[in-house]
Amino acid sequence: MIALPDINVLLALAWSNHPHHDAAHRWFARDAAAGWATCLFTQTGFLRLSLNPQVVGVSIDCQAALHLLDNLVAHPHHQYAESAPTLTATPFDALVPKIIDLCRYFCCYDASLNSSSPS
């Protein structure tokens, strides 16, 4: 049977500081050859939580999070479980620079709002 690990298992596999990192790797070593899958939801959740320093303990950018996801899904027994394109496929690659620009814009916009004195 093909496994569909939830977001927490994906985080534990990718992040060595995760409290269940070793357990996730034991499971993966034992069962991954039977096949495992991700879907749009698990990939999106993995990226969202990997970008949150309160969850993973460090601050990384979107490219680094995508690289972690790329490493996971490059496994030879991985399958994508939906008809929608994966977040690492070409249609989404073109969006990454736009997302980064939007993040920078909103960070600068928020900083300018916070730096203005109240009237």
Protein backbone atom coordinates (compact mmCIF):
# COMPACT_ATOMS: atom_id res chain seq x y z
CA MET A 1 0.00 0.00 0.00
CA ILE A 2 1.28 3.48 -0.87
CA ALA A 3 1.67 5.75 2.15
CA LEU A 4 0.49 9.36 2.19
CA PRO A 5 2.49 10.87 5.06
CA ASP A 6 0.94 13.89 6.67
CA ILE A 7 2.67 17.25 6.93
CA ASN A 8 4.15 16.45 10.34
CA VAL A 9 5.89 13.35 8.98
CA LEU A 10 7.26 15.35 6.04
CA LEU A 11 8.59 17.97 8.46
CA ALA A 12 10.16 15.27 10.62
CA LEU A 13 11.86 13.74 7.57
CA ALA A 14 13.26 17.06 6.35
CA TRP A 15 14.22 18.79 9.59
CA SER A 16 16.92 17.16 11.72
CA ASN A 17 15.90 19.27 14.72
CA HIS A 18 12.35 17.86 14.65
CA PRO A 19 11.67 15.76 17.79
CA HIS A 20 10.49 12.82 15.65
CA HIS A 21 13.21 13.04 13.00
CA ASP A 22 14.78 9.67 13.89
CA ALA A 23 11.43 7.89 14.15
CA ALA A 24 10.32 9.29 10.80
CA HIS A 25 13.54 8.10 9.18
CA ARG A 26 13.15 4.62 10.70
CA TRP A 27 9.63 4.41 9.23
CA PHE A 28 10.85 5.78 5.91
CA ALA A 29 13.75 3.32 5.70
CA ARG A 30 11.36 0.45 6.42
CA ASP A 31 8.36 1.43 4.26
CA ALA A 32 9.32 3.94 1.55
CA ALA A 33 10.23 1.27 -0.99
CA ALA A 34 6.55 0.23 -1.06
CA GLY A 35 5.76 3.70 -2.38
CA TRP A 36 4.75 6.97 -0.82
CA ALA A 37 3.00 10.05 -2.07
CA THR A 38 2.45 13.72 -1.48
CA CYS A 39 -0.36 15.89 -2.76
CA LEU A 40 -0.93 19.59 -3.25
CA PHE A 41 -2.14 19.94 0.34
CA THR A 42 0.76 18.15 2.00
CA GLN A 43 3.29 19.97 -0.17
CA THR A 44 1.70 23.36 0.51
CA GLY A 45 1.49 22.64 4.24
CA PHE A 46 5.11 21.51 4.30
CA LEU A 47 6.22 24.77 2.65
CA ARG A 48 4.03 26.92 4.90
CA LEU A 49 5.34 25.35 8.08
CA SER A 50 8.95 25.18 6.87
CA LEU A 51 8.81 28.95 6.37
CA ASN A 52 7.69 29.50 9.97
CA PRO A 53 10.72 29.85 12.28
CA GLN A 54 8.52 29.15 15.31
CA VAL A 55 7.80 25.72 13.87
CA VAL A 56 11.20 24.69 12.48
CA GLY A 57 13.50 26.72 14.72
CA VAL A 58 15.25 28.66 11.93
CA SER A 59 14.31 31.27 9.37
CA ILE A 60 14.61 30.20 5.73
CA ASP A 61 13.43 31.74 2.49
CA CYS A 62 11.00 30.29 -0.03
CA GLN A 63 13.77 28.96 -2.29
CA ALA A 64 15.31 27.01 0.59
CA ALA A 65 11.92 25.55 1.54
CA LEU A 66 11.31 24.54 -2.07
CA HIS A 67 14.74 22.92 -2.14
CA LEU A 68 13.81 20.82 0.91
CA LEU A 69 10.59 19.78 -0.81
CA ASP A 70 12.46 19.00 -4.03
CA ASN A 71 14.80 16.73 -2.07
CA LEU A 72 11.89 14.85 -0.53
CA VAL A 73 9.97 14.31 -3.75
CA ALA A 74 13.10 13.31 -5.69
CA HIS A 75 12.97 9.97 -3.87
CA PRO A 76 12.61 7.17 -6.46
CA HIS A 77 9.49 5.72 -4.82
CA HIS A 78 7.65 9.04 -4.50
CA GLN A 79 4.42 9.63 -6.40
CA TYR A 80 2.33 12.75 -6.72
CA ALA A 81 -1.24 11.88 -5.71
CA GLU A 82 -3.31 14.48 -7.53
CA SER A 83 -3.96 15.65 -11.03
CA ALA A 84 -3.00 19.21 -10.11
CA PRO A 85 0.64 20.13 -10.84
CA THR A 86 3.17 19.80 -8.05
CA LEU A 87 4.44 23.02 -6.46
CA THR A 88 7.90 22.27 -7.84
CA ALA A 89 6.66 21.92 -11.43
CA THR A 90 7.24 24.54 -14.09
CA PRO A 91 3.93 26.43 -13.69
CA PHE A 92 4.80 27.19 -10.07
CA ASP A 93 8.51 27.89 -10.67
CA ALA A 94 7.51 31.08 -12.49
CA LEU A 95 5.49 32.18 -9.47
CA VAL A 96 8.33 31.94 -6.95
CA PRO A 97 10.02 35.26 -7.90
CA LYS A 98 6.61 36.96 -7.83
CA ILE A 99 5.84 35.51 -4.40
CA ILE A 100 9.24 36.66 -3.11
CA ASP A 101 8.63 40.16 -4.52
CA LEU A 102 5.21 40.28 -2.85
CA CYS A 103 6.72 39.18 0.46
CA ARG A 104 9.37 41.88 0.20
CA TYR A 105 6.73 44.47 -0.69
CA PHE A 106 4.53 43.59 2.27
CA CYS A 107 7.50 43.41 4.65
CA CYS A 108 8.60 46.90 3.55
CA TYR A 109 5.01 48.16 3.60
CA ASP A 110 4.49 46.79 7.12
CA ALA A 111 7.82 48.26 8.27
CA SER A 112 6.85 51.68 6.92
CA LEU A 113 3.50 51.49 8.70
CA ASN A 114 5.14 50.49 11.97
CA SER A 115 7.76 53.22 11.73
CA SER A 116 5.29 56.06 11.28
CA SER A 117 4.27 57.89 14.40
CA PRO A 118 0.60 57.98 15.29
CA SER A 119 -1.22 61.21 14.43
